[in-house]
């Protein structure tokens, strides 16, 4: 082997040996960052997700891509992120991540052990809405349900959804029997209510908001522990049904194996959005949500509280996991 050949050989070998170390030492991110939604397009998570994509891309110096991987009640997208090894994939999910262990016989992951919390993104109440010719307020709604067991219907966005379990918990806490009518999404449930096919719906506040303002739907009660600022005249259900509350939230999660540096960088870049005067804070407030972005600990606490709670609710309601 000539001197020139030996030099070329050693140069290639040294470069190949150094490549992994160089890749490990590169500043994060060094490739596109992905936000994975486990839901179909058009849901309420799209607004904060798309805003964060636009906000983060110039600050991270890499494209931020928003992808939908829907199916199996949200478990497919969650599994995909849990198994990701690129340190650039995050899950933007809802409070339904806390219901997966209760609602699916084999969810394919454990939210507490296969994912790690990054931050709560938004927090909002769910809302019971009815038709203008239906019960005039929450007290009348509950009274009608008690007088007519199994005949007052409510539409949800699907079996096992947060809106389904919110109704199941209401029946348990209020001692009433409602008729559950599941739909493939909140918009279809709202359209059924407008058409007179059902008596009420439980949805995110933002879904029926324009109809509430127009008077074509009537707000009945919110599922938060206090009244919602956007609907100050609408009672919190807990005012008349003790121990009832169902927070509806969105959150960012990461694979359990992701190191702390990407999470710290992401949270640092998102921090300015948490200010009350930020565009996203105002946009979410206009839709009845509060922007949080408060780090891993509050999200971890919610998961530890809600996962066993929903197991109890599902068992008491006799809901069969899929």
C-alpha atoms as a PDB file:
ATOM      1  CA  UNK A   1       0.000   0.000   0.000  1.00  0.00           C
ATOM      2  CA  UNK A   2       1.456   3.351  -1.051  1.00  0.00           C
ATOM      3  CA  UNK A   3       1.845   6.277   1.350  1.00  0.00           C
ATOM      4  CA  UNK A   4      -0.928   8.153  -0.433  1.00  0.00           C
ATOM      5  CA  UNK A   5      -3.240   5.161  -0.264  1.00  0.00           C
ATOM      6  CA  UNK A   6      -2.509   4.620   3.438  1.00  0.00           C
ATOM      7  CA  UNK A   7      -3.246   8.305   4.148  1.00  0.00           C
ATOM      8  CA  UNK A   8      -6.546   8.129   2.273  1.00  0.00           C
ATOM      9  CA  UNK A   9      -7.515   4.926   4.125  1.00  0.00           C
ATOM     10  CA  UNK A  10      -6.762   6.406   7.547  1.00  0.00           C
ATOM     11  CA  UNK A  11      -8.572   9.645   6.688  1.00  0.00           C
ATOM     12  CA  UNK A  12     -11.773   7.776   5.739  1.00  0.00           C
ATOM     13  CA  UNK A  13     -11.508   5.495   8.783  1.00  0.00           C
ATOM     14  CA  UNK A  14     -10.965   8.415  11.167  1.00  0.00           C
ATOM     15  CA  UNK A  15     -13.919  10.321   9.714  1.00  0.00           C
ATOM     16  CA  UNK A  16     -16.227   7.319  10.036  1.00  0.00           C
ATOM     17  CA  UNK A  17     -15.165   6.725  13.659  1.00  0.00           C
ATOM     18  CA  UNK A  18     -15.643  10.391  14.521  1.00  0.00           C
ATOM     19  CA  UNK A  19     -19.085  10.686  12.898  1.00  0.00           C
ATOM     20  CA  UNK A  20     -21.149   9.183  15.763  1.00  0.00           C
ATOM     21  CA  UNK A  21     -19.374  11.311  18.345  1.00  0.00           C
ATOM     22  CA  UNK A  22     -19.924  14.403  16.216  1.00  0.00           C
ATOM     23  CA  UNK A  23     -23.614  13.585  15.801  1.00  0.00           C
ATOM     24  CA  UNK A  24     -23.995  13.105  19.547  1.00  0.00           C
ATOM     25  CA  UNK A  25     -22.281  16.397  20.236  1.00  0.00           C
ATOM     26  CA  UNK A  26     -24.316  18.464  17.797  1.00  0.00           C
ATOM     27  CA  UNK A  27     -26.625  21.049  19.261  1.00  0.00           C
ATOM     28  CA  UNK A  28     -30.279  20.072  19.325  1.00  0.00           C
ATOM     29  CA  UNK A  29     -32.151  20.142  16.998  1.00  0.00           C
ATOM     30  CA  UNK A  30     -30.097  18.876  14.089  1.00  0.00           C
ATOM     31  CA  UNK A  31     -33.053  17.687  11.987  1.00  0.00           C
ATOM     32  CA  UNK A  32     -36.772  18.575  11.647  1.00  0.00           C
ATOM     33  CA  UNK A  33     -38.792  18.451  14.870  1.00  0.00           C
ATOM     34  CA  UNK A  34     -42.146  16.684  14.682  1.00  0.00           C
ATOM     35  CA  UNK A  35     -45.314  17.302  16.669  1.00  0.00           C
ATOM     36  CA  UNK A  36     -47.446  14.165  16.366  1.00  0.00           C
ATOM     37  CA  UNK A  37     -51.192  14.420  16.941  1.00  0.00           C
ATOM     38  CA  UNK A  38     -52.991  11.119  17.657  1.00  0.00           C
ATOM     39  CA  UNK A  39     -56.243  12.634  16.352  1.00  0.00           C
ATOM     40  CA  UNK A  40     -57.707  13.404  12.947  1.00  0.00           C
ATOM     41  CA  UNK A  41     -57.290  16.938  11.536  1.00  0.00           C
ATOM     42  CA  UNK A  42     -59.835  19.573  12.496  1.00  0.00           C
ATOM     43  CA  UNK A  43     -59.835  19.111  16.267  1.00  0.00           C
ATOM     44  CA  UNK A  44     -59.247  21.803  18.899  1.00  0.00           C
ATOM     45  CA  UNK A  45     -55.604  20.734  19.313  1.00  0.00           C
ATOM     46  CA  UNK A  46     -54.860  22.027  15.808  1.00  0.00           C
ATOM     47  CA  UNK A  47     -54.914  25.686  16.841  1.00  0.00           C
ATOM     48  CA  UNK A  48     -52.168  25.636  19.507  1.00  0.00           C
ATOM     49  CA  UNK A  49     -50.212  23.012  17.545  1.00  0.00           C
ATOM     50  CA  UNK A  50     -50.102  25.030  14.317  1.00  0.00           C
ATOM     51  CA  UNK A  51     -49.290  28.212  16.229  1.00  0.00           C
ATOM     52  CA  UNK A  52     -46.379  26.483  17.958  1.00  0.00           C
ATOM     53  CA  UNK A  53     -45.130  25.171  14.615  1.00  0.00           C
ATOM     54  CA  UNK A  54     -44.952  28.709  13.209  1.00  0.00           C
ATOM     55  CA  UNK A  55     -43.475  30.103  16.420  1.00  0.00           C
ATOM     56  CA  UNK A  56     -40.802  27.456  16.936  1.00  0.00           C
ATOM     57  CA  UNK A  57     -39.475  26.964  13.407  1.00  0.00           C
ATOM     58  CA  UNK A  58     -37.383  30.171  13.211  1.00  0.00           C
ATOM     59  CA  UNK A  59     -36.303  29.876  16.842  1.00  0.00           C
ATOM     60  CA  UNK A  60     -35.096  26.297  16.594  1.00  0.00           C
ATOM     61  CA  UNK A  61     -33.449  26.773  13.212  1.00  0.00           C
ATOM     62  CA  UNK A  62     -35.100  23.596  11.905  1.00  0.00           C
ATOM     63  CA  UNK A  63     -38.516  22.939  10.384  1.00  0.00           C
ATOM     64  CA  UNK A  64     -41.206  21.948  12.872  1.00  0.00           C
ATOM     65  CA  UNK A  65     -43.681  19.561  11.248  1.00  0.00           C
ATOM     66  CA  UNK A  66     -47.197  18.836  12.478  1.00  0.00           C
ATOM     67  CA  UNK A  67     -48.352  15.298  11.662  1.00  0.00           C
ATOM     68  CA  UNK A  68     -51.588  13.406  12.313  1.00  0.00           C
ATOM     69  CA  UNK A  69     -51.402   9.716  13.183  1.00  0.00           C
ATOM     70  CA  UNK A  70     -54.955   8.992  14.251  1.00  0.00           C
ATOM     71  CA  UNK A  71     -56.537   5.716  15.227  1.00  0.00           C
ATOM     72  CA  UNK A  72     -57.393   3.356  18.077  1.00  0.00           C
ATOM     73  CA  UNK A  73     -58.678   6.108  20.346  1.00  0.00           C
ATOM     74  CA  UNK A  74     -55.419   8.026  20.166  1.00  0.00           C
ATOM     75  CA  UNK A  75     -53.197   5.089  21.045  1.00  0.00           C
ATOM     76  CA  UNK A  76     -51.587   4.716  17.597  1.00  0.00           C
ATOM     77  CA  UNK A  77     -50.046   8.183  17.623  1.00  0.00           C
ATOM     78  CA  UNK A  78     -49.011   7.802  21.250  1.00  0.00           C
ATOM     79  CA  UNK A  79     -47.327   4.453  20.519  1.00  0.00           C
ATOM     80  CA  UNK A  80     -45.524   5.962  17.548  1.00  0.00           C
ATOM     81  CA  UNK A  81     -43.972   8.689  19.702  1.00  0.00           C
ATOM     82  CA  UNK A  82     -43.210   6.319  22.585  1.00  0.00           C
ATOM     83  CA  UNK A  83     -41.178   4.174  20.195  1.00  0.00           C
ATOM     84  CA  UNK A  84     -39.388   7.074  18.474  1.00  0.00           C
ATOM     85  CA  UNK A  85     -35.622   7.093  18.947  1.00  0.00           C
ATOM     86  CA  UNK A  86     -34.660  10.231  17.000  1.00  0.00           C
ATOM     87  CA  UNK A  87     -34.998  12.659  19.982  1.00  0.00           C
ATOM     88  CA  UNK A  88     -36.982  14.971  17.678  1.00  0.00           C
ATOM     89  CA  UNK A  89     -40.538  13.584  18.031  1.00  0.00           C
ATOM     90  CA  UNK A  90     -43.108  14.932  20.494  1.00  0.00           C
ATOM     91  CA  UNK A  91     -46.738  14.000  21.120  1.00  0.00           C
ATOM     92  CA  UNK A  92     -49.417  16.685  21.367  1.00  0.00           C
ATOM     93  CA  UNK A  93     -52.299  14.889  23.014  1.00  0.00           C
ATOM     94  CA  UNK A  94     -55.386  15.578  25.082  1.00  0.00           C
ATOM     95  CA  UNK A  95     -56.608  14.450  28.472  1.00  0.00           C
ATOM     96  CA  UNK A  96     -57.737  11.282  26.673  1.00  0.00           C
ATOM     97  CA  UNK A  97     -54.180   9.993  27.205  1.00  0.00           C
ATOM     98  CA  UNK A  98     -55.229   9.501  30.840  1.00  0.00           C
ATOM     99  CA  UNK A  99     -58.245   7.406  29.787  1.00  0.00           C
ATOM    100  CA  UNK A 100     -56.370   5.031  27.468  1.00  0.00           C
ATOM    101  CA  UNK A 101     -55.439   2.501  30.187  1.00  0.00           C
ATOM    102  CA  UNK A 102     -59.107   2.289  31.194  1.00  0.00           C
ATOM    103  CA  UNK A 103     -60.669   2.273  27.734  1.00  0.00           C
ATOM    104  CA  UNK A 104     -58.433  -0.107  25.807  1.00  0.00           C
ATOM    105  CA  UNK A 105     -57.632  -3.704  26.734  1.00  0.00           C
ATOM    106  CA  UNK A 106     -54.256  -3.328  25.073  1.00  0.00           C
ATOM    107  CA  UNK A 107     -53.415   0.353  24.607  1.00  0.00           C
ATOM    108  CA  UNK A 108     -49.920  -0.574  23.461  1.00  0.00           C
ATOM    109  CA  UNK A 109     -48.250   1.675  26.004  1.00  0.00           C
ATOM    110  CA  UNK A 110     -48.377   2.937  29.560  1.00  0.00           C
ATOM    111  CA  UNK A 111     -48.510   6.764  29.628  1.00  0.00           C
ATOM    112  CA  UNK A 112     -46.610   6.792  32.923  1.00  0.00           C
ATOM    113  CA  UNK A 113     -43.756   4.512  31.913  1.00  0.00           C
ATOM    114  CA  UNK A 114     -43.448   4.790  28.114  1.00  0.00           C
ATOM    115  CA  UNK A 115     -43.811   8.562  27.783  1.00  0.00           C
ATOM    116  CA  UNK A 116     -42.500  11.458  29.825  1.00  0.00           C
ATOM    117  CA  UNK A 117     -44.385  14.705  30.496  1.00  0.00           C
ATOM    118  CA  UNK A 118     -43.136  17.868  28.836  1.00  0.00           C
ATOM    119  CA  UNK A 119     -45.845  20.406  29.663  1.00  0.00           C
ATOM    120  CA  UNK A 120     -49.538  21.095  29.798  1.00  0.00           C
ATOM    121  CA  UNK A 121     -50.399  23.299  26.830  1.00  0.00           C
ATOM    122  CA  UNK A 122     -53.988  24.388  27.454  1.00  0.00           C
ATOM    123  CA  UNK A 123     -56.657  23.828  30.057  1.00  0.00           C
ATOM    124  CA  UNK A 124     -60.373  24.320  29.464  1.00  0.00           C
ATOM    125  CA  UNK A 125     -63.718  23.110  30.744  1.00  0.00           C
ATOM    126  CA  UNK A 126     -66.040  20.930  28.771  1.00  0.00           C
ATOM    127  CA  UNK A 127     -69.540  22.300  28.269  1.00  0.00           C
ATOM    128  CA  UNK A 128     -73.013  20.795  28.212  1.00  0.00           C
ATOM    129  CA  UNK A 129     -75.089  22.533  25.537  1.00  0.00           C
ATOM    130  CA  UNK A 130     -78.757  22.052  24.674  1.00  0.00           C
ATOM    131  CA  UNK A 131     -81.359  23.365  22.272  1.00  0.00           C
ATOM    132  CA  UNK A 132     -83.106  26.684  23.021  1.00  0.00           C
ATOM    133  CA  UNK A 133     -86.426  24.855  23.445  1.00  0.00           C
ATOM    134  CA  UNK A 134     -84.910  22.404  25.940  1.00  0.00           C
ATOM    135  CA  UNK A 135     -84.203  22.791  29.685  1.00  0.00           C
ATOM    136  CA  UNK A 136     -83.530  26.428  30.541  1.00  0.00           C
ATOM    137  CA  UNK A 137     -80.601  25.829  32.875  1.00  0.00           C
ATOM    138  CA  UNK A 138     -78.566  23.201  34.673  1.00  0.00           C
ATOM    139  CA  UNK A 139     -81.128  22.649  37.440  1.00  0.00           C
ATOM    140  CA  UNK A 140     -83.876  22.046  34.870  1.00  0.00           C
ATOM    141  CA  UNK A 141     -81.632  19.709  32.865  1.00  0.00           C
ATOM    142  CA  UNK A 142     -80.835  17.582  35.916  1.00  0.00           C
ATOM    143  CA  UNK A 143     -84.487  17.590  36.997  1.00  0.00           C
ATOM    144  CA  UNK A 144     -85.649  16.396  33.575  1.00  0.00           C
ATOM    145  CA  UNK A 145     -83.030  13.629  33.591  1.00  0.00           C
ATOM    146  CA  UNK A 146     -84.128  12.462  37.046  1.00  0.00           C
ATOM    147  CA  UNK A 147     -87.791  12.459  36.019  1.00  0.00           C
ATOM    148  CA  UNK A 148     -87.102  10.600  32.752  1.00  0.00           C
ATOM    149  CA  UNK A 149     -84.392   7.975  33.338  1.00  0.00           C
ATOM    150  CA  UNK A 150     -82.600   6.999  30.158  1.00  0.00           C
ATOM    151  CA  UNK A 151     -84.602   9.342  27.949  1.00  0.00           C
ATOM    152  CA  UNK A 152     -82.568  12.578  27.997  1.00  0.00           C
ATOM    153  CA  UNK A 153     -79.865  12.036  25.400  1.00  0.00           C
ATOM    154  CA  UNK A 154     -76.380  13.462  25.159  1.00  0.00           C
ATOM    155  CA  UNK A 155     -73.983  13.244  22.269  1.00  0.00           C
ATOM    156  CA  UNK A 156     -70.259  12.702  22.653  1.00  0.00           C
ATOM    157  CA  UNK A 157     -67.349  12.651  20.244  1.00  0.00           C
ATOM    158  CA  UNK A 158     -67.079   8.872  20.547  1.00  0.00           C
ATOM    159  CA  UNK A 159     -66.941   5.928  22.907  1.00  0.00           C
ATOM    160  CA  UNK A 160     -64.092   6.378  25.354  1.00  0.00           C
ATOM    161  CA  UNK A 161     -63.589  10.045  24.534  1.00  0.00           C
ATOM    162  CA  UNK A 162     -63.218  12.662  27.244  1.00  0.00           C
ATOM    163  CA  UNK A 163     -66.759  13.842  26.489  1.00  0.00           C
ATOM    164  CA  UNK A 164     -68.136  10.317  26.880  1.00  0.00           C
ATOM    165  CA  UNK A 165     -66.451   9.829  30.248  1.00  0.00           C
ATOM    166  CA  UNK A 166     -67.511  13.310  31.394  1.00  0.00           C
ATOM    167  CA  UNK A 167     -71.116  12.211  30.874  1.00  0.00           C
ATOM    168  CA  UNK A 168     -70.525   8.890  32.602  1.00  0.00           C
ATOM    169  CA  UNK A 169     -69.086  10.676  35.628  1.00  0.00           C
ATOM    170  CA  UNK A 170     -72.026  13.114  35.646  1.00  0.00           C
ATOM    171  CA  UNK A 171     -74.471  10.229  35.842  1.00  0.00           C
ATOM    172  CA  UNK A 172     -72.550   8.725  38.752  1.00  0.00           C
ATOM    173  CA  UNK A 173     -72.184  11.952  40.707  1.00  0.00           C
ATOM    174  CA  UNK A 174     -75.699  13.308  40.024  1.00  0.00           C
ATOM    175  CA  UNK A 175     -77.534  10.000  40.351  1.00  0.00           C
ATOM    176  CA  UNK A 176     -79.166  10.280  36.929  1.00  0.00           C
ATOM    177  CA  UNK A 177     -79.431   8.066  33.861  1.00  0.00           C
ATOM    178  CA  UNK A 178     -78.784   9.684  30.485  1.00  0.00           C
ATOM    179  CA  UNK A 179     -78.854   8.137  27.017  1.00  0.00           C
ATOM    180  CA  UNK A 180     -75.381   8.218  25.460  1.00  0.00           C
ATOM    181  CA  UNK A 181     -75.219   8.737  21.692  1.00  0.00           C
ATOM    182  CA  UNK A 182     -71.628   8.568  20.399  1.00  0.00           C
ATOM    183  CA  UNK A 183     -70.581  10.297  17.172  1.00  0.00           C
ATOM    184  CA  UNK A 184     -67.396  10.306  15.141  1.00  0.00           C
ATOM    185  CA  UNK A 185     -66.259  13.693  16.384  1.00  0.00           C
ATOM    186  CA  UNK A 186     -67.684  16.706  18.210  1.00  0.00           C
ATOM    187  CA  UNK A 187     -68.822  18.513  15.073  1.00  0.00           C
ATOM    188  CA  UNK A 188     -71.092  15.631  14.065  1.00  0.00           C
ATOM    189  CA  UNK A 189     -72.535  15.564  17.589  1.00  0.00           C
ATOM    190  CA  UNK A 190     -73.227  19.302  17.422  1.00  0.00           C
ATOM    191  CA  UNK A 191     -74.904  18.958  14.027  1.00  0.00           C
ATOM    192  CA  UNK A 192     -77.135  16.217  15.445  1.00  0.00           C
ATOM    193  CA  UNK A 193     -78.134  18.535  18.286  1.00  0.00           C
ATOM    194  CA  UNK A 194     -78.924  21.362  15.884  1.00  0.00           C
ATOM    195  CA  UNK A 195     -81.036  18.947  13.828  1.00  0.00           C
ATOM    196  CA  UNK A 196     -83.010  17.917  16.912  1.00  0.00           C
ATOM    197  CA  UNK A 197     -81.776  14.312  16.925  1.00  0.00           C
ATOM    198  CA  UNK A 198     -80.450  14.529  20.492  1.00  0.00           C
ATOM    199  CA  UNK A 199     -81.148  16.668  23.552  1.00  0.00           C
ATOM    200  CA  UNK A 200     -77.661  17.817  24.499  1.00  0.00           C
ATOM    201  CA  UNK A 201     -73.962  17.510  23.796  1.00  0.00           C
ATOM    202  CA  UNK A 202     -70.787  17.598  25.842  1.00  0.00           C
ATOM    203  CA  UNK A 203     -67.940  19.260  23.959  1.00  0.00           C
ATOM    204  CA  UNK A 204     -64.974  21.540  24.226  1.00  0.00           C
ATOM    205  CA  UNK A 205     -66.275  25.102  24.731  1.00  0.00           C
ATOM    206  CA  UNK A 206     -64.891  26.236  21.384  1.00  0.00           C
ATOM    207  CA  UNK A 207     -66.991  23.800  19.325  1.00  0.00           C
ATOM    208  CA  UNK A 208     -70.480  25.333  19.865  1.00  0.00           C
ATOM    209  CA  UNK A 209     -69.262  28.858  20.694  1.00  0.00           C
ATOM    210  CA  UNK A 210     -70.631  30.591  17.599  1.00  0.00           C
ATOM    211  CA  UNK A 211     -73.994  28.868  18.020  1.00  0.00           C
ATOM    212  CA  UNK A 212     -74.114  29.916  21.662  1.00  0.00           C
ATOM    213  CA  UNK A 213     -73.500  33.531  20.658  1.00  0.00           C
ATOM    214  CA  UNK A 214     -76.157  33.302  17.955  1.00  0.00           C
ATOM    215  CA  UNK A 215     -78.691  31.786  20.335  1.00  0.00           C
ATOM    216  CA  UNK A 216     -79.169  28.595  18.326  1.00  0.00           C
ATOM    217  CA  UNK A 217     -77.758  26.565  21.222  1.00  0.00           C
ATOM    218  CA  UNK A 218     -78.015  27.106  24.971  1.00  0.00           C
ATOM    219  CA  UNK A 219     -75.155  26.627  27.462  1.00  0.00           C
ATOM    220  CA  UNK A 220     -76.138  24.506  30.445  1.00  0.00           C
ATOM    221  CA  UNK A 221     -73.056  23.871  32.585  1.00  0.00           C
ATOM    222  CA  UNK A 222     -69.261  23.684  32.508  1.00  0.00           C
ATOM    223  CA  UNK A 223     -67.177  20.859  33.922  1.00  0.00           C
ATOM    224  CA  UNK A 224     -64.511  22.987  35.627  1.00  0.00           C
ATOM    225  CA  UNK A 225     -64.378  23.647  39.360  1.00  0.00           C
ATOM    226  CA  UNK A 226     -65.141  27.339  38.776  1.00  0.00           C
ATOM    227  CA  UNK A 227     -67.124  29.227  36.161  1.00  0.00           C
ATOM    228  CA  UNK A 228     -65.414  29.822  32.847  1.00  0.00           C
ATOM    229  CA  UNK A 229     -64.436  33.476  32.216  1.00  0.00           C
ATOM    230  CA  UNK A 230     -65.872  33.270  28.704  1.00  0.00           C
ATOM    231  CA  UNK A 231     -69.225  31.994  30.053  1.00  0.00           C
ATOM    232  CA  UNK A 232     -69.473  33.738  33.387  1.00  0.00           C
ATOM    233  CA  UNK A 233     -73.271  33.334  33.583  1.00  0.00           C
ATOM    234  CA  UNK A 234     -73.102  29.575  33.070  1.00  0.00           C
ATOM    235  CA  UNK A 235     -72.816  27.569  36.294  1.00  0.00           C
ATOM    236  CA  UNK A 236     -70.049  25.114  37.000  1.00  0.00           C
ATOM    237  CA  UNK A 237     -71.737  21.733  37.346  1.00  0.00           C
ATOM    238  CA  UNK A 238     -70.010  21.245  40.707  1.00  0.00           C
ATOM    239  CA  UNK A 239     -72.219  24.048  42.084  1.00  0.00           C
ATOM    240  CA  UNK A 240     -75.153  21.606  41.934  1.00  0.00           C
ATOM    241  CA  UNK A 241     -73.419  18.216  41.673  1.00  0.00           C
ATOM    242  CA  UNK A 242     -70.877  17.744  44.495  1.00  0.00           C
ATOM    243  CA  UNK A 243     -67.419  16.390  43.653  1.00  0.00           C
ATOM    244  CA  UNK A 244     -67.931  16.732  39.909  1.00  0.00           C
ATOM    245  CA  UNK A 245     -65.190  18.164  37.720  1.00  0.00           C
ATOM    246  CA  UNK A 246     -63.615  17.154  34.422  1.00  0.00           C
ATOM    247  CA  UNK A 247     -60.722  19.273  33.173  1.00  0.00           C
ATOM    248  CA  UNK A 248     -60.093  19.099  29.440  1.00  0.00           C
ATOM    249  CA  UNK A 249     -56.475  19.695  28.569  1.00  0.00           C
ATOM    250  CA  UNK A 250     -53.869  19.364  25.870  1.00  0.00           C
ATOM    251  CA  UNK A 251     -50.264  18.511  26.588  1.00  0.00           C
ATOM    252  CA  UNK A 252     -46.883  17.788  25.081  1.00  0.00           C
ATOM    253  CA  UNK A 253     -45.197  14.478  25.874  1.00  0.00           C
ATOM    254  CA  UNK A 254     -41.964  12.854  24.744  1.00  0.00           C
ATOM    255  CA  UNK A 255     -40.542   9.332  24.579  1.00  0.00           C
ATOM    256  CA  UNK A 256     -39.334   8.120  27.949  1.00  0.00           C
ATOM    257  CA  UNK A 257     -35.817   7.699  26.570  1.00  0.00           C
ATOM    258  CA  UNK A 258     -35.492  11.282  25.321  1.00  0.00           C
ATOM    259  CA  UNK A 259     -32.671  13.071  27.191  1.00  0.00           C
ATOM    260  CA  UNK A 260     -33.430  16.262  29.117  1.00  0.00           C
ATOM    261  CA  UNK A 261     -31.657  18.685  26.762  1.00  0.00           C
ATOM    262  CA  UNK A 262     -34.248  18.688  23.926  1.00  0.00           C
ATOM    263  CA  UNK A 263     -37.090  19.102  26.404  1.00  0.00           C
ATOM    264  CA  UNK A 264     -35.345  21.979  28.182  1.00  0.00           C
ATOM    265  CA  UNK A 265     -34.641  23.706  24.863  1.00  0.00           C
ATOM    266  CA  UNK A 266     -38.232  23.302  23.679  1.00  0.00           C
ATOM    267  CA  UNK A 267     -39.649  24.682  26.935  1.00  0.00           C
ATOM    268  CA  UNK A 268     -37.234  27.623  26.872  1.00  0.00           C
ATOM    269  CA  UNK A 269     -38.311  28.564  23.352  1.00  0.00           C
ATOM    270  CA  UNK A 270     -42.009  28.211  24.200  1.00  0.00           C
ATOM    271  CA  UNK A 271     -41.760  30.268  27.413  1.00  0.00           C
ATOM    272  CA  UNK A 272     -42.633  33.671  25.832  1.00  0.00           C
ATOM    273  CA  UNK A 273     -45.980  32.261  24.661  1.00  0.00           C
ATOM    274  CA  UNK A 274     -47.088  31.702  28.273  1.00  0.00           C
ATOM    275  CA  UNK A 275     -47.350  35.455  28.893  1.00  0.00           C
ATOM    276  CA  UNK A 276     -51.001  36.557  29.157  1.00  0.00           C
ATOM    277  CA  UNK A 277     -50.450  39.160  26.457  1.00  0.00           C
ATOM    278  CA  UNK A 278     -49.032  36.738  23.877  1.00  0.00           C
ATOM    279  CA  UNK A 279     -50.988  36.182  20.683  1.00  0.00           C
ATOM    280  CA  UNK A 280     -51.561  32.531  21.504  1.00  0.00           C
ATOM    281  CA  UNK A 281     -52.736  33.278  25.059  1.00  0.00           C
ATOM    282  CA  UNK A 282     -55.291  35.745  23.710  1.00  0.00           C
ATOM    283  CA  UNK A 283     -56.372  33.389  20.961  1.00  0.00           C
ATOM    284  CA  UNK A 284     -56.940  30.538  23.385  1.00  0.00           C
ATOM    285  CA  UNK A 285     -58.783  32.810  25.858  1.00  0.00           C
ATOM    286  CA  UNK A 286     -61.129  33.811  23.040  1.00  0.00           C
ATOM    287  CA  UNK A 287     -61.954  30.116  22.651  1.00  0.00           C
ATOM    288  CA  UNK A 288     -62.469  29.466  26.354  1.00  0.00           C
ATOM    289  CA  UNK A 289     -59.054  27.937  27.067  1.00  0.00           C
ATOM    290  CA  UNK A 290     -56.167  28.971  29.295  1.00  0.00           C
ATOM    291  CA  UNK A 291     -52.644  28.642  27.934  1.00  0.00           C
ATOM    292  CA  UNK A 292     -50.340  27.049  30.532  1.00  0.00           C
ATOM    293  CA  UNK A 293     -46.904  25.857  29.290  1.00  0.00           C
ATOM    294  CA  UNK A 294     -45.927  25.251  32.920  1.00  0.00           C
ATOM    295  CA  UNK A 295     -43.423  22.410  32.587  1.00  0.00           C
ATOM    296  CA  UNK A 296     -43.415  18.679  33.376  1.00  0.00           C
ATOM    297  CA  UNK A 297     -44.450  18.573  37.054  1.00  0.00           C
ATOM    298  CA  UNK A 298     -48.109  19.719  36.758  1.00  0.00           C
ATOM    299  CA  UNK A 299     -48.701  17.329  33.859  1.00  0.00           C
ATOM    300  CA  UNK A 300     -47.128  14.443  35.760  1.00  0.00           C
ATOM    301  CA  UNK A 301     -49.391  15.186  38.735  1.00  0.00           C
ATOM    302  CA  UNK A 302     -52.501  15.164  36.541  1.00  0.00           C
ATOM    303  CA  UNK A 303     -51.606  11.844  34.985  1.00  0.00           C
ATOM    304  CA  UNK A 304     -51.011  10.241  38.382  1.00  0.00           C
ATOM    305  CA  UNK A 305     -54.399  11.524  39.575  1.00  0.00           C
ATOM    306  CA  UNK A 306     -56.552  10.986  36.497  1.00  0.00           C
ATOM    307  CA  UNK A 307     -55.416   7.563  35.268  1.00  0.00           C
ATOM    308  CA  UNK A 308     -56.729   5.698  38.370  1.00  0.00           C
ATOM    309  CA  UNK A 309     -59.786   7.985  38.556  1.00  0.00           C
ATOM    310  CA  UNK A 310     -60.898   7.068  35.033  1.00  0.00           C
ATOM    311  CA  UNK A 311     -60.324   3.389  35.697  1.00  0.00           C
ATOM    312  CA  UNK A 312     -62.811   3.666  38.572  1.00  0.00           C
ATOM    313  CA  UNK A 313     -65.337   5.625  36.490  1.00  0.00           C
ATOM    314  CA  UNK A 314     -65.179   3.175  33.587  1.00  0.00           C
ATOM    315  CA  UNK A 315     -65.580   0.178  35.898  1.00  0.00           C
ATOM    316  CA  UNK A 316     -68.509   1.766  37.760  1.00  0.00           C
ATOM    317  CA  UNK A 317     -70.237   2.675  34.485  1.00  0.00           C
ATOM    318  CA  UNK A 318     -69.863  -0.827  33.114  1.00  0.00           C
ATOM    319  CA  UNK A 319     -68.116   0.497  29.998  1.00  0.00           C
ATOM    320  CA  UNK A 320     -66.352  -2.335  28.205  1.00  0.00           C
ATOM    321  CA  UNK A 321     -62.782  -1.540  27.079  1.00  0.00           C
ATOM    322  CA  UNK A 322     -62.166  -2.044  23.393  1.00  0.00           C
END
